[in-house]
Amino acid sequence: MPVAKGSTIDPDRTRAAILHEATQVLYERGLDGIGVAELCGRLGVSKETLYRHFGTKDGLVQAVLEARSDRVVQWLTGVVRQAGDPAGRLAALFGALQRWYEEPGFRGCGLLNAAAQHHTAPVRAVAARHLGRYLDLLTEIAVAAGVADPPRLARQLLIIVEGATAVADHHDHRHAGEDARQAALTLLAAARRS
């Protein structure tokens, strides 16, 4: 990230720009699909700049994953909280996911992809926290629905969310969100009857 002559370096802005660019590159290529030299070339920064801000490539990876988790959870929380009743919230959630599945650059859940590709404790911990945050959101919906066992329903809904995302990525994205929505609403109705 070259600095124009006469301007000053803003470390926070530089870090944010690296994170923004690296997020897309690592999502496209995978964590282990690009070396540090090529990554720096794509980002337009020196290795020294990368290491100054993140310590190592693994430090950058962890920061990218944490930032991605924050964005995804904020996005879906906003979508869900704007909807009405629990069934409407699930419909809104799966509608948003379906729109994501249809994006040209869609490659599945970046956090779970990362945990599968880069089987290290720090990456797996970020992925586990991400799933925990999903679970919190889904538990909110289950509590609002008044079901007998909200944590259980939330886990089942999480399986549907991640299963739909995997199917959309690896098989056919066209109806994954809609099919998952129908499954989730059926599950919600059954849990309410229990």
Protein backbone atom coordinates (compact mmCIF):
# COMPACT_ATOMS: atom_id res chain seq x y z
CA MET A 1 0.00 0.00 0.00
CA PRO A 2 2.21 2.77 -1.27
CA VAL A 3 1.95 6.07 0.56
CA ALA A 4 1.73 9.21 -1.55
CA LYS A 5 4.62 11.62 -1.16
CA GLY A 6 3.90 14.13 1.57
CA SER A 7 1.26 12.03 3.32
CA THR A 8 1.62 10.23 6.61
CA ILE A 9 1.21 6.56 7.38
CA ASP A 10 -1.85 5.65 9.42
CA PRO A 11 -1.15 2.23 10.99
CA ASP A 12 -4.82 1.54 11.71
CA ARG A 13 -5.83 2.34 8.15
CA THR A 14 -2.98 0.23 6.79
CA ARG A 15 -3.98 -2.73 8.98
CA ALA A 16 -7.64 -2.37 7.97
CA ALA A 17 -6.72 -2.21 4.27
CA ILE A 18 -4.55 -5.33 4.56
CA LEU A 19 -7.36 -7.17 6.38
CA HIS A 20 -9.91 -6.14 3.76
CA GLU A 21 -7.80 -7.28 0.81
CA ALA A 22 -6.49 -10.42 2.51
CA THR A 23 -10.03 -11.53 3.38
CA GLN A 24 -10.97 -11.81 -0.28
CA VAL A 25 -7.67 -13.36 -1.39
CA LEU A 26 -7.68 -16.01 1.33
CA TYR A 27 -11.36 -16.82 0.73
CA GLU A 28 -10.69 -17.27 -2.99
CA ARG A 29 -7.44 -19.20 -2.70
CA GLY A 30 -7.67 -20.90 0.68
CA LEU A 31 -5.36 -20.39 3.61
CA ASP A 32 -2.67 -22.70 2.35
CA GLY A 33 -3.22 -21.95 -1.35
CA ILE A 34 -1.02 -18.88 -1.38
CA GLY A 35 2.44 -18.22 0.04
CA VAL A 36 3.51 -15.11 1.90
CA ALA A 37 5.43 -13.62 -1.04
CA GLU A 38 2.51 -13.99 -3.45
CA LEU A 39 0.05 -12.82 -0.81
CA CYS A 40 2.10 -9.69 -0.17
CA GLY A 41 2.27 -9.08 -3.92
CA ARG A 42 -1.50 -9.35 -4.23
CA LEU A 43 -1.97 -7.07 -1.22
CA GLY A 44 0.60 -4.54 -2.42
CA VAL A 45 2.57 -4.62 0.84
CA SER A 46 6.00 -5.77 1.84
CA LYS A 47 6.58 -8.77 4.06
CA GLU A 48 7.89 -6.37 6.68
CA THR A 49 4.60 -4.44 6.65
CA LEU A 50 2.59 -7.65 6.92
CA TYR A 51 4.71 -8.91 9.80
CA ARG A 52 4.68 -5.52 11.56
CA HIS A 53 0.89 -5.55 11.66
CA PHE A 54 0.18 -9.26 12.16
CA GLY A 55 3.38 -10.92 13.37
CA THR A 56 3.12 -13.86 10.96
CA LYS A 57 0.91 -15.15 8.16
CA ASP A 58 -0.90 -17.16 10.84
CA GLY A 59 -1.52 -13.91 12.72
CA LEU A 60 -3.02 -12.42 9.56
CA VAL A 61 -5.15 -15.54 9.04
CA GLN A 62 -6.50 -15.35 12.58
CA ALA A 63 -7.29 -11.63 12.22
CA VAL A 64 -9.01 -12.24 8.86
CA LEU A 65 -11.12 -15.04 10.30
CA GLU A 66 -12.11 -13.06 13.38
CA ALA A 67 -13.08 -10.05 11.25
CA ARG A 68 -15.05 -12.29 8.87
CA SER A 69 -16.91 -13.88 11.78
CA ASP A 70 -17.77 -10.42 13.13
CA ARG A 71 -19.14 -9.30 9.75
CA VAL A 72 -21.18 -12.46 9.16
CA VAL A 73 -22.68 -12.49 12.64
CA GLN A 74 -23.50 -8.76 12.54
CA TRP A 75 -25.10 -9.18 9.10
CA LEU A 76 -27.25 -12.16 10.07
CA THR A 77 -28.15 -10.70 13.47
CA GLY A 78 -29.38 -7.56 11.73
CA VAL A 79 -31.40 -9.59 9.24
CA VAL A 80 -32.97 -11.74 11.96
CA ARG A 81 -33.77 -8.91 14.35
CA GLN A 82 -35.59 -6.94 11.65
CA ALA A 83 -37.99 -9.84 11.09
CA GLY A 84 -41.07 -10.46 13.21
CA ASP A 85 -41.96 -13.72 14.88
CA PRO A 86 -39.59 -16.73 15.15
CA ALA A 87 -40.83 -18.26 11.88
CA GLY A 88 -40.30 -14.91 10.15
CA ARG A 89 -36.82 -14.69 11.63
CA LEU A 90 -35.90 -18.11 10.26
CA ALA A 91 -37.35 -17.21 6.88
CA ALA A 92 -35.31 -13.99 6.86
CA LEU A 93 -32.15 -15.86 7.88
CA PHE A 94 -32.45 -18.46 5.13
CA GLY A 95 -33.47 -15.83 2.59
CA ALA A 96 -30.28 -13.90 3.36
CA LEU A 97 -28.22 -17.08 3.13
CA GLN A 98 -29.79 -17.93 -0.24
CA ARG A 99 -28.81 -14.51 -1.61
CA TRP A 100 -25.25 -15.16 -0.38
CA TYR A 101 -25.21 -18.59 -2.01
CA GLU A 102 -26.10 -16.98 -5.33
CA GLU A 103 -23.21 -14.51 -5.27
CA PRO A 104 -20.62 -15.27 -7.99
CA GLY A 105 -17.71 -15.53 -5.53
CA PHE A 106 -19.51 -17.81 -3.06
CA ARG A 107 -17.20 -20.56 -1.77
CA GLY A 108 -18.94 -21.80 1.36
CA CYS A 109 -18.39 -20.84 4.98
CA GLY A 110 -14.98 -19.20 5.14
CA LEU A 111 -14.55 -20.14 8.81
CA LEU A 112 -15.30 -23.83 8.37
CA ASN A 113 -13.28 -23.93 5.15
CA ALA A 114 -10.37 -22.46 7.08
CA ALA A 115 -10.68 -24.98 9.91
CA ALA A 116 -10.74 -27.85 7.41
CA GLN A 117 -7.81 -26.52 5.36
CA HIS A 118 -5.59 -25.26 8.13
CA HIS A 119 -6.09 -27.76 10.90
CA THR A 120 -4.43 -25.77 13.70
CA ALA A 121 -5.71 -25.00 17.18
CA PRO A 122 -5.99 -21.21 16.71
CA VAL A 123 -7.94 -21.49 13.45
CA ARG A 124 -10.19 -24.20 14.84
CA ALA A 125 -10.82 -22.07 17.94
CA VAL A 126 -11.95 -19.11 15.79
CA ALA A 127 -14.25 -21.43 13.81
CA ALA A 128 -15.68 -22.89 17.04
CA ARG A 129 -16.33 -19.37 18.40
CA HIS A 130 -18.02 -18.50 15.11
CA LEU A 131 -20.35 -21.48 15.36
CA GLY A 132 -21.00 -20.56 18.99
CA ARG A 133 -22.09 -17.10 17.89
CA TYR A 134 -24.44 -18.66 15.32
CA LEU A 135 -25.78 -20.86 18.10
CA ASP A 136 -26.44 -17.81 20.28
CA LEU A 137 -28.48 -16.21 17.49
CA LEU A 138 -30.40 -19.42 16.82
CA THR A 139 -31.00 -19.91 20.55
CA GLU A 140 -32.56 -16.43 20.65
CA ILE A 141 -35.01 -17.56 17.98
CA ALA A 142 -35.73 -20.82 19.81
CA VAL A 143 -36.36 -19.00 23.12
CA ALA A 144 -38.68 -16.52 21.38
CA ALA A 145 -40.56 -19.49 19.91
CA GLY A 146 -41.19 -20.83 23.43
CA VAL A 147 -39.96 -24.35 22.70
CA ALA A 148 -39.22 -26.77 25.54
CA ASP A 149 -35.50 -27.17 24.77
CA PRO A 150 -34.11 -24.05 23.06
CA PRO A 151 -30.45 -25.17 23.06
CA ARG A 152 -31.36 -28.43 21.32
CA LEU A 153 -33.45 -26.70 18.66
CA ALA A 154 -30.65 -24.16 18.14
CA ARG A 155 -28.12 -26.98 17.54
CA GLN A 156 -30.49 -28.61 15.06
CA LEU A 157 -30.97 -25.29 13.26
CA LEU A 158 -27.21 -24.79 13.15
CA ILE A 159 -26.85 -28.16 11.46
CA ILE A 160 -29.41 -27.06 8.87
CA VAL A 161 -27.60 -23.72 8.32
CA GLU A 162 -24.18 -25.28 7.86
CA GLY A 163 -25.56 -28.20 5.88
CA ALA A 164 -27.30 -25.82 3.48
CA THR A 165 -24.10 -23.83 3.11
CA ALA A 166 -22.09 -26.97 2.33
CA VAL A 167 -24.70 -28.18 -0.18
CA ALA A 168 -24.79 -24.74 -1.84
CA ASP A 169 -21.00 -24.74 -2.12
CA HIS A 170 -20.38 -28.32 -3.20
CA HIS A 171 -23.54 -29.44 -4.94
CA ASP A 172 -26.21 -26.96 -6.06
CA HIS A 173 -26.83 -23.49 -4.68
CA ARG A 174 -30.11 -22.83 -6.49
CA HIS A 175 -32.54 -24.04 -3.82
CA ALA A 176 -30.33 -24.75 -0.80
CA GLY A 177 -31.56 -21.76 1.21
CA GLU A 178 -35.21 -22.36 0.39
CA ASP A 179 -35.00 -26.08 1.14
CA ALA A 180 -33.20 -25.32 4.41
CA ARG A 181 -35.85 -22.72 5.29
CA GLN A 182 -38.59 -25.31 4.81
CA ALA A 183 -36.70 -27.85 6.93
CA ALA A 184 -36.09 -25.28 9.68
CA LEU A 185 -39.74 -24.21 9.78
CA THR A 186 -40.86 -27.85 9.93
CA LEU A 187 -38.43 -28.44 12.79
CA LEU A 188 -39.64 -25.30 14.58
CA ALA A 189 -43.28 -26.37 14.25
CA ALA A 190 -42.46 -29.84 15.61
CA ALA A 191 -40.52 -28.36 18.55
CA ARG A 192 -43.46 -26.09 19.39
CA ARG A 193 -45.80 -29.09 19.51
CA SER A 194 -43.51 -31.03 21.85
